[in-house]
C-alpha atoms as a PDB file:
ATOM      1  CA  UNK A   1       0.646   0.182  13.487  1.00  0.00           C
ATOM      2  CA  UNK A   2       1.775  -1.535  10.270  1.00  0.00           C
ATOM      3  CA  UNK A   3       0.066   0.822   7.778  1.00  0.00           C
ATOM      4  CA  UNK A   4      -0.227   4.663   7.779  1.00  0.00           C
ATOM      5  CA  UNK A   5      -1.247   6.869   4.804  1.00  0.00           C
ATOM      6  CA  UNK A   6      -2.942  10.156   3.940  1.00  0.00           C
ATOM      7  CA  UNK A   7      -5.442   9.587   1.196  1.00  0.00           C
ATOM      8  CA  UNK A   8      -6.250  12.667  -0.961  1.00  0.00           C
ATOM      9  CA  UNK A   9      -9.248  11.357  -2.468  1.00  0.00           C
ATOM     10  CA  UNK A  10     -11.627   8.580  -1.207  1.00  0.00           C
ATOM     11  CA  UNK A  11     -15.057   8.341  -2.831  1.00  0.00           C
ATOM     12  CA  UNK A  12     -18.061   6.500  -1.604  1.00  0.00           C
ATOM     13  CA  UNK A  13     -18.711   7.897   1.896  1.00  0.00           C
ATOM     14  CA  UNK A  14     -21.003  10.624   1.031  1.00  0.00           C
ATOM     15  CA  UNK A  15     -20.431  14.466   1.715  1.00  0.00           C
ATOM     16  CA  UNK A  16     -18.061  15.487   4.490  1.00  0.00           C
ATOM     17  CA  UNK A  17     -19.227  16.494   7.811  1.00  0.00           C
ATOM     18  CA  UNK A  18     -17.689  19.829   7.080  1.00  0.00           C
ATOM     19  CA  UNK A  19     -19.652  21.308   4.466  1.00  0.00           C
ATOM     20  CA  UNK A  20     -16.916  23.519   3.333  1.00  0.00           C
ATOM     21  CA  UNK A  21     -14.924  20.409   2.599  1.00  0.00           C
ATOM     22  CA  UNK A  22     -17.762  18.796   0.370  1.00  0.00           C
ATOM     23  CA  UNK A  23     -18.290  19.955  -3.261  1.00  0.00           C
ATOM     24  CA  UNK A  24     -21.703  21.213  -3.158  1.00  0.00           C
ATOM     25  CA  UNK A  25     -21.881  21.385  -6.951  1.00  0.00           C
ATOM     26  CA  UNK A  26     -21.666  17.659  -7.074  1.00  0.00           C
ATOM     27  CA  UNK A  27     -25.393  16.237  -8.059  1.00  0.00           C
ATOM     28  CA  UNK A  28     -24.499  12.631  -6.801  1.00  0.00           C
ATOM     29  CA  UNK A  29     -23.390  13.216  -2.908  1.00  0.00           C
ATOM     30  CA  UNK A  30     -22.403   9.432  -2.707  1.00  0.00           C
ATOM     31  CA  UNK A  31     -19.487  10.100  -5.130  1.00  0.00           C
ATOM     32  CA  UNK A  32     -17.953  13.140  -3.075  1.00  0.00           C
ATOM     33  CA  UNK A  33     -14.124  12.812  -2.822  1.00  0.00           C
ATOM     34  CA  UNK A  34     -12.719  13.266   0.475  1.00  0.00           C
ATOM     35  CA  UNK A  35      -9.377  13.386   2.065  1.00  0.00           C
ATOM     36  CA  UNK A  36      -8.782  10.963   4.721  1.00  0.00           C
ATOM     37  CA  UNK A  37      -5.801   9.332   7.070  1.00  0.00           C
ATOM     38  CA  UNK A  38      -5.741   5.796   7.223  1.00  0.00           C
ATOM     39  CA  UNK A  39      -4.331   3.744  10.009  1.00  0.00           C
ATOM     40  CA  UNK A  40      -4.094   0.212  10.985  1.00  0.00           C
ATOM     41  CA  UNK A  41      -4.084  -1.632  14.344  1.00  0.00           C
ATOM     42  CA  UNK A  42      -4.041  -5.497  14.668  1.00  0.00           C
ATOM     43  CA  UNK A  43      -6.956  -6.826  12.511  1.00  0.00           C
ATOM     44  CA  UNK A  44      -8.573  -3.496  11.677  1.00  0.00           C
ATOM     45  CA  UNK A  45      -8.144  -0.381   9.174  1.00  0.00           C
ATOM     46  CA  UNK A  46      -9.276   2.911  10.559  1.00  0.00           C
ATOM     47  CA  UNK A  47     -10.092   5.889   8.191  1.00  0.00           C
ATOM     48  CA  UNK A  48     -10.128   9.184   9.969  1.00  0.00           C
ATOM     49  CA  UNK A  49     -11.621  12.492   8.495  1.00  0.00           C
ATOM     50  CA  UNK A  50      -9.531  15.572   8.862  1.00  0.00           C
ATOM     51  CA  UNK A  51     -11.610  18.628  10.120  1.00  0.00           C
ATOM     52  CA  UNK A  52      -9.815  21.978  10.278  1.00  0.00           C
ATOM     53  CA  UNK A  53     -10.963  24.342  12.979  1.00  0.00           C
ATOM     54  CA  UNK A  54     -10.150  27.297  14.837  1.00  0.00           C
ATOM     55  CA  UNK A  55      -9.323  27.871  18.404  1.00  0.00           C
ATOM     56  CA  UNK A  56      -9.162  30.968  20.361  1.00  0.00           C
ATOM     57  CA  UNK A  57      -6.928  31.659  23.327  1.00  0.00           C
ATOM     58  CA  UNK A  58      -5.450  34.425  25.279  1.00  0.00           C
ATOM     59  CA  UNK A  59      -1.955  35.974  24.252  1.00  0.00           C
ATOM     60  CA  UNK A  60      -0.441  36.546  27.922  1.00  0.00           C
ATOM     61  CA  UNK A  61       2.446  38.658  26.006  1.00  0.00           C
ATOM     62  CA  UNK A  62       0.320  41.003  24.336  1.00  0.00           C
ATOM     63  CA  UNK A  63      -2.867  40.815  26.029  1.00  0.00           C
ATOM     64  CA  UNK A  64      -4.875  39.814  23.114  1.00  0.00           C
ATOM     65  CA  UNK A  65      -7.224  37.012  21.923  1.00  0.00           C
ATOM     66  CA  UNK A  66      -5.260  34.743  19.515  1.00  0.00           C
ATOM     67  CA  UNK A  67      -6.686  32.448  16.887  1.00  0.00           C
ATOM     68  CA  UNK A  68      -4.711  29.259  16.095  1.00  0.00           C
ATOM     69  CA  UNK A  69      -5.687  26.830  13.548  1.00  0.00           C
ATOM     70  CA  UNK A  70      -6.032  23.189  14.445  1.00  0.00           C
ATOM     71  CA  UNK A  71      -7.039  19.936  12.873  1.00  0.00           C
ATOM     72  CA  UNK A  72      -9.380  17.500  14.392  1.00  0.00           C
ATOM     73  CA  UNK A  73      -9.609  13.784  13.432  1.00  0.00           C
ATOM     74  CA  UNK A  74     -12.928  12.056  13.462  1.00  0.00           C
ATOM     75  CA  UNK A  75     -13.145   8.355  12.545  1.00  0.00           C
ATOM     76  CA  UNK A  76     -15.560   7.844   9.828  1.00  0.00           C
ATOM     77  CA  UNK A  77     -14.950   4.042   8.876  1.00  0.00           C
ATOM     78  CA  UNK A  78     -13.639   1.002  10.380  1.00  0.00           C
ATOM     79  CA  UNK A  79     -12.438  -2.106   8.317  1.00  0.00           C
ATOM     80  CA  UNK A  80     -12.637  -5.454  10.096  1.00  0.00           C
ATOM     81  CA  UNK A  81     -10.677  -8.200   8.511  1.00  0.00           C
ATOM     82  CA  UNK A  82     -11.539 -11.884   9.512  1.00  0.00           C
ATOM     83  CA  UNK A  83     -11.249 -15.420   7.987  1.00  0.00           C
ATOM     84  CA  UNK A  84     -12.801 -15.678   4.651  1.00  0.00           C
ATOM     85  CA  UNK A  85     -15.315 -18.306   5.999  1.00  0.00           C
ATOM     86  CA  UNK A  86     -17.224 -15.332   7.536  1.00  0.00           C
ATOM     87  CA  UNK A  87     -18.340 -14.216   4.084  1.00  0.00           C
ATOM     88  CA  UNK A  88     -18.390 -10.874   2.533  1.00  0.00           C
ATOM     89  CA  UNK A  89     -14.723 -11.460   1.618  1.00  0.00           C
ATOM     90  CA  UNK A  90     -13.833 -11.330   5.271  1.00  0.00           C
ATOM     91  CA  UNK A  91     -14.168  -7.579   5.416  1.00  0.00           C
ATOM     92  CA  UNK A  92     -16.880  -5.958   7.572  1.00  0.00           C
ATOM     93  CA  UNK A  93     -17.720  -2.323   7.936  1.00  0.00           C
ATOM     94  CA  UNK A  94     -18.297  -0.258  11.141  1.00  0.00           C
ATOM     95  CA  UNK A  95     -19.470   3.168  10.338  1.00  0.00           C
ATOM     96  CA  UNK A  96     -19.700   6.352  12.553  1.00  0.00           C
ATOM     97  CA  UNK A  97     -23.552   6.849  13.486  1.00  0.00           C
ATOM     98  CA  UNK A  98     -23.632  10.102  11.667  1.00  0.00           C
ATOM     99  CA  UNK A  99     -22.323   8.745   8.632  1.00  0.00           C
ATOM    100  CA  UNK A 100     -24.743   5.812   8.551  1.00  0.00           C
ATOM    101  CA  UNK A 101     -27.442   8.385   8.605  1.00  0.00           C
ATOM    102  CA  UNK A 102     -25.945  10.229   5.629  1.00  0.00           C
ATOM    103  CA  UNK A 103     -25.383   6.865   3.563  1.00  0.00           C
ATOM    104  CA  UNK A 104     -28.996   5.794   4.109  1.00  0.00           C
ATOM    105  CA  UNK A 105     -30.132   8.944   2.322  1.00  0.00           C
ATOM    106  CA  UNK A 106     -27.758   8.071  -0.420  1.00  0.00           C
ATOM    107  CA  UNK A 107     -28.816   4.663  -0.748  1.00  0.00           C
ATOM    108  CA  UNK A 108     -25.671   2.859  -0.069  1.00  0.00           C
ATOM    109  CA  UNK A 109     -26.960  -0.635   0.462  1.00  0.00           C
ATOM    110  CA  UNK A 110     -23.590  -2.326   0.213  1.00  0.00           C
ATOM    111  CA  UNK A 111     -21.965  -0.483   3.035  1.00  0.00           C
ATOM    112  CA  UNK A 112     -25.063  -0.946   5.291  1.00  0.00           C
ATOM    113  CA  UNK A 113     -25.407  -4.701   4.769  1.00  0.00           C
ATOM    114  CA  UNK A 114     -21.695  -5.214   5.844  1.00  0.00           C
ATOM    115  CA  UNK A 115     -21.956  -2.923   8.838  1.00  0.00           C
ATOM    116  CA  UNK A 116     -25.045  -4.674  10.248  1.00  0.00           C
ATOM    117  CA  UNK A 117     -23.552  -8.159   9.846  1.00  0.00           C
ATOM    118  CA  UNK A 118     -22.567  -9.676  13.288  1.00  0.00           C
ATOM    119  CA  UNK A 119     -18.739 -10.343  13.511  1.00  0.00           C
ATOM    120  CA  UNK A 120     -17.652 -13.671  14.989  1.00  0.00           C
ATOM    121  CA  UNK A 121     -14.409 -15.326  15.446  1.00  0.00           C
ATOM    122  CA  UNK A 122     -13.959 -18.948  14.269  1.00  0.00           C
ATOM    123  CA  UNK A 123     -11.760 -21.779  16.187  1.00  0.00           C
ATOM    124  CA  UNK A 124     -11.034 -23.937  13.312  1.00  0.00           C
ATOM    125  CA  UNK A 125      -7.933 -22.235  11.888  1.00  0.00           C
ATOM    126  CA  UNK A 126      -5.244 -20.393  13.801  1.00  0.00           C
ATOM    127  CA  UNK A 127      -2.618 -18.674  11.588  1.00  0.00           C
ATOM    128  CA  UNK A 128      -0.338 -17.875  14.355  1.00  0.00           C
ATOM    129  CA  UNK A 129      -0.402 -20.878  16.546  1.00  0.00           C
ATOM    130  CA  UNK A 130      -0.095 -20.149  20.362  1.00  0.00           C
ATOM    131  CA  UNK A 131       0.989 -16.563  19.377  1.00  0.00           C
ATOM    132  CA  UNK A 132      -2.374 -16.004  17.973  1.00  0.00           C
ATOM    133  CA  UNK A 133      -4.889 -17.564  20.360  1.00  0.00           C
ATOM    134  CA  UNK A 134      -7.928 -15.076  19.174  1.00  0.00           C
ATOM    135  CA  UNK A 135      -7.370 -16.134  15.492  1.00  0.00           C
ATOM    136  CA  UNK A 136      -6.753 -12.473  14.559  1.00  0.00           C
ATOM    137  CA  UNK A 137      -6.277 -11.750  10.657  1.00  0.00           C
ATOM    138  CA  UNK A 138      -3.507  -9.111  11.164  1.00  0.00           C
ATOM    139  CA  UNK A 139      -3.089  -6.355   8.823  1.00  0.00           C
ATOM    140  CA  UNK A 140       0.713  -6.351   7.829  1.00  0.00           C
ATOM    141  CA  UNK A 141       0.456  -3.720   5.270  1.00  0.00           C
ATOM    142  CA  UNK A 142      -2.143  -1.671   3.470  1.00  0.00           C
ATOM    143  CA  UNK A 143      -1.898   1.240   0.606  1.00  0.00           C
ATOM    144  CA  UNK A 144      -4.730   3.260  -1.189  1.00  0.00           C
ATOM    145  CA  UNK A 145      -3.972   3.521  -4.858  1.00  0.00           C
ATOM    146  CA  UNK A 146      -5.204   6.720  -6.553  1.00  0.00           C
ATOM    147  CA  UNK A 147      -5.411   5.551 -10.132  1.00  0.00           C
ATOM    148  CA  UNK A 148      -8.022   2.824  -9.223  1.00  0.00           C
ATOM    149  CA  UNK A 149      -9.422   4.225  -5.941  1.00  0.00           C
ATOM    150  CA  UNK A 150      -8.846   0.551  -4.240  1.00  0.00           C
ATOM    151  CA  UNK A 151      -7.319  -0.007  -0.976  1.00  0.00           C
ATOM    152  CA  UNK A 152      -5.076  -2.929  -0.883  1.00  0.00           C
ATOM    153  CA  UNK A 153      -4.606  -4.770   2.358  1.00  0.00           C
ATOM    154  CA  UNK A 154      -1.989  -7.561   3.094  1.00  0.00           C
ATOM    155  CA  UNK A 155      -2.831 -10.071   5.818  1.00  0.00           C
ATOM    156  CA  UNK A 156      -1.687 -12.576   8.124  1.00  0.00           C
ATOM    157  CA  UNK A 157      -3.456 -15.271   6.354  1.00  0.00           C
ATOM    158  CA  UNK A 158      -1.797 -15.143   3.085  1.00  0.00           C
ATOM    159  CA  UNK A 159      -4.538 -13.143   1.396  1.00  0.00           C
ATOM    160  CA  UNK A 160      -4.229  -9.713  -0.300  1.00  0.00           C
ATOM    161  CA  UNK A 161      -7.564  -8.102  -0.313  1.00  0.00           C
ATOM    162  CA  UNK A 162      -8.800  -5.242  -2.569  1.00  0.00           C
ATOM    163  CA  UNK A 163     -11.519  -3.208  -1.125  1.00  0.00           C
ATOM    164  CA  UNK A 164     -13.560  -0.220  -2.835  1.00  0.00           C
ATOM    165  CA  UNK A 165     -14.485   3.101  -1.190  1.00  0.00           C
ATOM    166  CA  UNK A 166     -17.493   1.745   0.037  1.00  0.00           C
ATOM    167  CA  UNK A 167     -15.649  -0.920   2.317  1.00  0.00           C
ATOM    168  CA  UNK A 168     -16.729  -3.813  -0.184  1.00  0.00           C
ATOM    169  CA  UNK A 169     -14.305  -6.343  -0.894  1.00  0.00           C
ATOM    170  CA  UNK A 170     -14.129  -6.648  -4.481  1.00  0.00           C
ATOM    171  CA  UNK A 171     -11.198  -9.134  -5.083  1.00  0.00           C
ATOM    172  CA  UNK A 172      -9.147 -11.548  -3.016  1.00  0.00           C
ATOM    173  CA  UNK A 173      -5.672 -12.286  -4.289  1.00  0.00           C
ATOM    174  CA  UNK A 174      -4.257 -15.571  -3.075  1.00  0.00           C
ATOM    175  CA  UNK A 175      -2.241 -18.610  -4.657  1.00  0.00           C
ATOM    176  CA  UNK A 176      -3.458 -22.156  -3.652  1.00  0.00           C
ATOM    177  CA  UNK A 177      -1.118 -23.872  -1.452  1.00  0.00           C
ATOM    178  CA  UNK A 178       0.295 -20.624  -0.233  1.00  0.00           C
ATOM    179  CA  UNK A 179      -0.343 -20.728   3.488  1.00  0.00           C
ATOM    180  CA  UNK A 180       2.485 -18.266   4.667  1.00  0.00           C
ATOM    181  CA  UNK A 181       1.480 -14.624   5.694  1.00  0.00           C
ATOM    182  CA  UNK A 182       2.126 -11.695   3.259  1.00  0.00           C
ATOM    183  CA  UNK A 183       4.464  -9.144   4.671  1.00  0.00           C
ATOM    184  CA  UNK A 184       3.768  -6.155   2.290  1.00  0.00           C
ATOM    185  CA  UNK A 185       2.810  -5.406  -1.256  1.00  0.00           C
ATOM    186  CA  UNK A 186       3.200  -2.635  -3.793  1.00  0.00           C
ATOM    187  CA  UNK A 187       1.178  -1.109  -6.289  1.00  0.00           C
ATOM    188  CA  UNK A 188       2.395   0.414  -9.975  1.00  0.00           C
ATOM    189  CA  UNK A 189       1.595   3.889 -11.163  1.00  0.00           C
ATOM    190  CA  UNK A 190      -1.060   2.735 -13.282  1.00  0.00           C
ATOM    191  CA  UNK A 191      -3.038   0.701 -10.636  1.00  0.00           C
ATOM    192  CA  UNK A 192      -3.142  -2.314 -13.132  1.00  0.00           C
ATOM    193  CA  UNK A 193      -0.144  -4.166 -11.555  1.00  0.00           C
ATOM    194  CA  UNK A 194       0.846  -5.001  -8.137  1.00  0.00           C
ATOM    195  CA  UNK A 195       3.402  -7.207  -6.397  1.00  0.00           C
ATOM    196  CA  UNK A 196       2.905  -9.169  -3.057  1.00  0.00           C
ATOM    197  CA  UNK A 197       5.729 -10.118  -0.725  1.00  0.00           C
ATOM    198  CA  UNK A 198       5.419 -13.570   1.059  1.00  0.00           C
ATOM    199  CA  UNK A 199       7.290 -14.570   4.197  1.00  0.00           C
ATOM    200  CA  UNK A 200       8.448 -17.516   2.407  1.00  0.00           C
ATOM    201  CA  UNK A 201      10.891 -15.232   0.455  1.00  0.00           C
ATOM    202  CA  UNK A 202       8.735 -15.182  -2.653  1.00  0.00           C
ATOM    203  CA  UNK A 203       7.554 -12.026  -4.918  1.00  0.00           C
ATOM    204  CA  UNK A 204       4.270 -12.576  -6.623  1.00  0.00           C
ATOM    205  CA  UNK A 205       3.389 -10.423  -9.711  1.00  0.00           C
ATOM    206  CA  UNK A 206      -0.332  -9.710 -10.233  1.00  0.00           C
ATOM    207  CA  UNK A 207      -2.419  -7.925 -13.070  1.00  0.00           C
ATOM    208  CA  UNK A 208      -5.706  -6.290 -12.544  1.00  0.00           C
ATOM    209  CA  UNK A 209      -8.653  -5.936 -14.708  1.00  0.00           C
ATOM    210  CA  UNK A 210     -10.858  -3.364 -13.269  1.00  0.00           C
ATOM    211  CA  UNK A 211     -13.791  -4.095 -15.872  1.00  0.00           C
ATOM    212  CA  UNK A 212     -15.976  -1.283 -15.904  1.00  0.00           C
ATOM    213  CA  UNK A 213     -14.925   0.056 -12.474  1.00  0.00           C
ATOM    214  CA  UNK A 214     -18.326  -0.491 -11.104  1.00  0.00           C
ATOM    215  CA  UNK A 215     -17.946  -4.068  -9.928  1.00  0.00           C
ATOM    216  CA  UNK A 216     -15.697  -7.089  -9.018  1.00  0.00           C
ATOM    217  CA  UNK A 217     -12.071  -6.623  -9.934  1.00  0.00           C
ATOM    218  CA  UNK A 218     -10.452  -9.724 -11.740  1.00  0.00           C
ATOM    219  CA  UNK A 219      -6.783 -10.273 -10.533  1.00  0.00           C
ATOM    220  CA  UNK A 220      -4.296 -12.557 -12.739  1.00  0.00           C
ATOM    221  CA  UNK A 221      -0.999 -14.238 -11.410  1.00  0.00           C
ATOM    222  CA  UNK A 222       1.600 -13.199 -13.904  1.00  0.00           C
ATOM    223  CA  UNK A 223       4.852 -14.481 -12.229  1.00  0.00           C
ATOM    224  CA  UNK A 224       6.233 -15.989  -9.198  1.00  0.00           C
ATOM    225  CA  UNK A 225       9.902 -14.710  -8.585  1.00  0.00           C
ATOM    226  CA  UNK A 226      12.208 -16.806  -6.336  1.00  0.00           C
ATOM    227  CA  UNK A 227      15.852 -17.536  -6.041  1.00  0.00           C
ATOM    228  CA  UNK A 228      17.209 -14.104  -5.344  1.00  0.00           C
ATOM    229  CA  UNK A 229      16.402 -14.071  -1.658  1.00  0.00           C
ATOM    230  CA  UNK A 230      17.220 -16.989   0.702  1.00  0.00           C
ATOM    231  CA  UNK A 231      14.607 -19.450   0.938  1.00  0.00           C
ATOM    232  CA  UNK A 232      12.237 -19.130   3.824  1.00  0.00           C
ATOM    233  CA  UNK A 233      13.313 -15.910   4.949  1.00  0.00           C
ATOM    234  CA  UNK A 234      10.764 -12.917   4.861  1.00  0.00           C
ATOM    235  CA  UNK A 235      10.660 -10.264   2.226  1.00  0.00           C
ATOM    236  CA  UNK A 236       9.879  -6.879   3.932  1.00  0.00           C
ATOM    237  CA  UNK A 237       8.841  -4.845   0.734  1.00  0.00           C
ATOM    238  CA  UNK A 238       8.955  -4.144  -2.991  1.00  0.00           C
ATOM    239  CA  UNK A 239       9.030  -1.067  -5.199  1.00  0.00           C
ATOM    240  CA  UNK A 240       8.510  -0.835  -8.813  1.00  0.00           C
ATOM    241  CA  UNK A 241      11.045   1.520 -10.730  1.00  0.00           C
ATOM    242  CA  UNK A 242      12.781   1.945 -14.090  1.00  0.00           C
ATOM    243  CA  UNK A 243      11.316   5.224 -16.185  1.00  0.00           C
ATOM    244  CA  UNK A 244       7.620   5.928 -16.728  1.00  0.00           C
ATOM    245  CA  UNK A 245       6.687   2.282 -17.568  1.00  0.00           C
ATOM    246  CA  UNK A 246       8.362   0.917 -14.445  1.00  0.00           C
ATOM    247  CA  UNK A 247       9.971  -2.130 -16.145  1.00  0.00           C
ATOM    248  CA  UNK A 248      11.945  -3.077 -13.066  1.00  0.00           C
ATOM    249  CA  UNK A 249      10.953  -3.881  -9.449  1.00  0.00           C
ATOM    250  CA  UNK A 250      13.132  -4.104  -6.320  1.00  0.00           C
ATOM    251  CA  UNK A 251      12.524  -6.485  -3.575  1.00  0.00           C
ATOM    252  CA  UNK A 252      14.291  -6.631  -0.028  1.00  0.00           C
ATOM    253  CA  UNK A 253      14.094  -8.774   2.991  1.00  0.00           C
ATOM    254  CA  UNK A 254      15.779  -9.852   6.359  1.00  0.00           C
ATOM    255  CA  UNK A 255      18.380 -11.691   4.527  1.00  0.00           C
ATOM    256  CA  UNK A 256      19.824  -8.256   3.553  1.00  0.00           C
ATOM    257  CA  UNK A 257      19.711  -8.543  -0.014  1.00  0.00           C
ATOM    258  CA  UNK A 258      18.237  -6.078  -2.393  1.00  0.00           C
ATOM    259  CA  UNK A 259      17.208  -7.713  -5.657  1.00  0.00           C
ATOM    260  CA  UNK A 260      16.181  -6.177  -9.004  1.00  0.00           C
ATOM    261  CA  UNK A 261      13.836  -7.958 -11.210  1.00  0.00           C
ATOM    262  CA  UNK A 262      11.957  -7.641 -14.589  1.00  0.00           C
ATOM    263  CA  UNK A 263       8.652  -6.455 -13.619  1.00  0.00           C
ATOM    264  CA  UNK A 264       7.130  -7.811 -16.836  1.00  0.00           C
ATOM    265  CA  UNK A 265       8.248 -11.351 -15.907  1.00  0.00           C
ATOM    266  CA  UNK A 266       5.869 -14.504 -16.585  1.00  0.00           C
ATOM    267  CA  UNK A 267       5.793 -17.760 -15.008  1.00  0.00           C
ATOM    268  CA  UNK A 268       8.418 -19.230 -12.622  1.00  0.00           C
ATOM    269  CA  UNK A 269      11.411 -16.975 -12.277  1.00  0.00           C
ATOM    270  CA  UNK A 270      14.343 -18.476 -10.430  1.00  0.00           C
ATOM    271  CA  UNK A 271      16.923 -15.972 -10.433  1.00  0.00           C
ATOM    272  CA  UNK A 272      16.718 -11.866 -10.236  1.00  0.00           C
ATOM    273  CA  UNK A 273      18.347  -9.677 -12.882  1.00  0.00           C
ATOM    274  CA  UNK A 274      20.756  -8.472 -10.341  1.00  0.00           C
ATOM    275  CA  UNK A 275      21.577  -8.591  -6.747  1.00  0.00           C
ATOM    276  CA  UNK A 276      22.194  -4.994  -5.964  1.00  0.00           C
ATOM    277  CA  UNK A 277      23.027  -5.202  -2.163  1.00  0.00           C
ATOM    278  CA  UNK A 278      24.069  -8.500   0.036  1.00  0.00           C
ATOM    279  CA  UNK A 279      24.678  -7.822   3.528  1.00  0.00           C
ATOM    280  CA  UNK A 280      23.699 -10.708   5.615  1.00  0.00           C
ATOM    281  CA  UNK A 281      24.423  -8.618   8.670  1.00  0.00           C
ATOM    282  CA  UNK A 282      22.006  -5.958   7.678  1.00  0.00           C
ATOM    283  CA  UNK A 283      18.292  -6.974   7.366  1.00  0.00           C
ATOM    284  CA  UNK A 284      16.674  -4.526   5.199  1.00  0.00           C
ATOM    285  CA  UNK A 285      13.497  -3.055   6.134  1.00  0.00           C
ATOM    286  CA  UNK A 286      12.981   0.176   4.073  1.00  0.00           C
ATOM    287  CA  UNK A 287      14.044   1.247   0.523  1.00  0.00           C
ATOM    288  CA  UNK A 288      13.405   4.266  -1.508  1.00  0.00           C
ATOM    289  CA  UNK A 289      14.776   5.336  -4.797  1.00  0.00           C
ATOM    290  CA  UNK A 290      15.576   8.763  -6.854  1.00  0.00           C
ATOM    291  CA  UNK A 291      15.481   8.620 -10.579  1.00  0.00           C
ATOM    292  CA  UNK A 292      16.733  11.221 -12.770  1.00  0.00           C
ATOM    293  CA  UNK A 293      16.619  10.609 -16.335  1.00  0.00           C
ATOM    294  CA  UNK A 294      18.954  12.595 -18.448  1.00  0.00           C
ATOM    295  CA  UNK A 295      18.489  12.730 -22.026  1.00  0.00           C
ATOM    296  CA  UNK A 296      20.968  13.742 -24.744  1.00  0.00           C
ATOM    297  CA  UNK A 297      21.482  17.249 -26.151  1.00  0.00           C
ATOM    298  CA  UNK A 298      20.349  15.882 -29.420  1.00  0.00           C
ATOM    299  CA  UNK A 299      16.802  16.221 -28.074  1.00  0.00           C
ATOM    300  CA  UNK A 300      17.251  19.792 -27.109  1.00  0.00           C
ATOM    301  CA  UNK A 301      17.297  19.374 -23.330  1.00  0.00           C
ATOM    302  CA  UNK A 302      19.458  22.080 -21.892  1.00  0.00           C
ATOM    303  CA  UNK A 303      22.257  20.722 -19.352  1.00  0.00           C
ATOM    304  CA  UNK A 304      21.437  17.156 -20.426  1.00  0.00           C
ATOM    305  CA  UNK A 305      23.989  14.385 -19.721  1.00  0.00           C
ATOM    306  CA  UNK A 306      25.771  13.698 -23.138  1.00  0.00           C
ATOM    307  CA  UNK A 307      26.255  10.118 -22.188  1.00  0.00           C
ATOM    308  CA  UNK A 308      22.648   9.258 -21.835  1.00  0.00           C
ATOM    309  CA  UNK A 309      22.843   7.684 -18.711  1.00  0.00           C
ATOM    310  CA  UNK A 310      19.920   7.097 -15.991  1.00  0.00           C
ATOM    311  CA  UNK A 311      21.369   8.432 -12.781  1.00  0.00           C
ATOM    312  CA  UNK A 312      19.541   6.982  -9.780  1.00  0.00           C
ATOM    313  CA  UNK A 313      20.219   6.777  -6.073  1.00  0.00           C
ATOM    314  CA  UNK A 314      18.945   4.273  -3.742  1.00  0.00           C
ATOM    315  CA  UNK A 315      18.527   4.580  -0.064  1.00  0.00           C
ATOM    316  CA  UNK A 316      18.726   1.483   2.153  1.00  0.00           C
ATOM    317  CA  UNK A 317      17.504   1.264   5.805  1.00  0.00           C
ATOM    318  CA  UNK A 318      17.597  -1.718   8.234  1.00  0.00           C
ATOM    319  CA  UNK A 319      20.158  -3.063  10.820  1.00  0.00           C
ATOM    320  CA  UNK A 320      19.796  -5.167  13.928  1.00  0.00           C
ATOM    321  CA  UNK A 321      21.114  -3.171  16.858  1.00  0.00           C
ATOM    322  CA  UNK A 322      21.851   0.503  17.247  1.00  0.00           C
ATOM    323  CA  UNK A 323      25.001   0.317  19.109  1.00  0.00           C
ATOM    324  CA  UNK A 324      26.908   3.406  20.337  1.00  0.00           C
ATOM    325  CA  UNK A 325      26.984   5.056  16.784  1.00  0.00           C
ATOM    326  CA  UNK A 326      23.408   3.979  15.895  1.00  0.00           C
ATOM    327  CA  UNK A 327      22.047   2.392  13.040  1.00  0.00           C
ATOM    328  CA  UNK A 328      23.414   3.611   9.446  1.00  0.00           C
ATOM    329  CA  UNK A 329      21.486   4.239   6.417  1.00  0.00           C
ATOM    330  CA  UNK A 330      23.180   3.451   3.267  1.00  0.00           C
ATOM    331  CA  UNK A 331      22.929   5.596  -0.020  1.00  0.00           C
ATOM    332  CA  UNK A 332      23.867   4.038  -3.320  1.00  0.00           C
ATOM    333  CA  UNK A 333      24.556   5.597  -6.596  1.00  0.00           C
ATOM    334  CA  UNK A 334      23.642   3.679  -9.539  1.00  0.00           C
ATOM    335  CA  UNK A 335      24.407   4.285 -13.312  1.00  0.00           C
ATOM    336  CA  UNK A 336      22.704   2.373 -16.114  1.00  0.00           C
ATOM    337  CA  UNK A 337      24.507   2.595 -19.295  1.00  0.00           C
ATOM    338  CA  UNK A 338      23.185   2.106 -22.732  1.00  0.00           C
ATOM    339  CA  UNK A 339      23.180  -1.359 -24.227  1.00  0.00           C
ATOM    340  CA  UNK A 340      26.227  -2.034 -26.557  1.00  0.00           C
ATOM    341  CA  UNK A 341      25.275  -2.608 -29.992  1.00  0.00           C
ATOM    342  CA  UNK A 342      27.288  -4.875 -32.510  1.00  0.00           C
ATOM    343  CA  UNK A 343      27.582  -3.088 -35.807  1.00  0.00           C
ATOM    344  CA  UNK A 344      27.522  -5.949 -38.717  1.00  0.00           C
END
């Protein structure tokens, strides 16, 4: 399992099986938003519905019947990812029987067409050689963006596929000549940009044009970032950061480096703005950041830092072997000063 996420709002599946969860006031039942749990396994994405329930049992100590609250997980949709030669963007939908009946009533033709299509495997292209004899298109990362209601999936064939709430692939992001697999990717807050991490050590920046929000999505490649990480060594993740506009993006990988880039870069970029961490004996698997923006007292903010710094903390986790003391997690304090100005 490489991907796991609670999704607060997922539209396109019709009303919930739990009528208390569904919005009875909605006139269009096909657009009811639902909370789901997303998991991955090999070449599948699984979407589970969380159904609260109550269970009664005997309390032996007090001799009374006690009621406990539990949550049942019911799978509602599976997304099967295959090679692009299979058609439909290589995404095929498997629906629960009860959900198929509800979707037929709401005339969701797109989901029905995909779910009824026969799924086969090709023998003409093997992504992993002898390690992948069944030609599986592995899911290495997946993330749902609440800003645009799209699910992005990074795959072993080097493609990043965007899927809408009905399970329809609306866009395929892939650079010509890039045959290496994707290891991870990241959305920005707006859902208009994303960054894909390639096993070759490259970081690709994309812009996303949603159009009217009802049809295909048009991606554009903005920049290819290289030079900060060791060539040919995989990246394991990226994260947008830097105030509300997210002007910066961090990337990390097996080479033990944490690089900082301009997230609004264009073209071929051969070096990062800074290499924040460089530990060849400590491959980095996960990074998170905490940003506290402090403004000057001139703006009327009580308790603000007069120096006007952006103070942030970056947590870095990785390592090779646990050893006797386990694997350390490093916390770094970062201070960014204002730019110096020359008075003429």
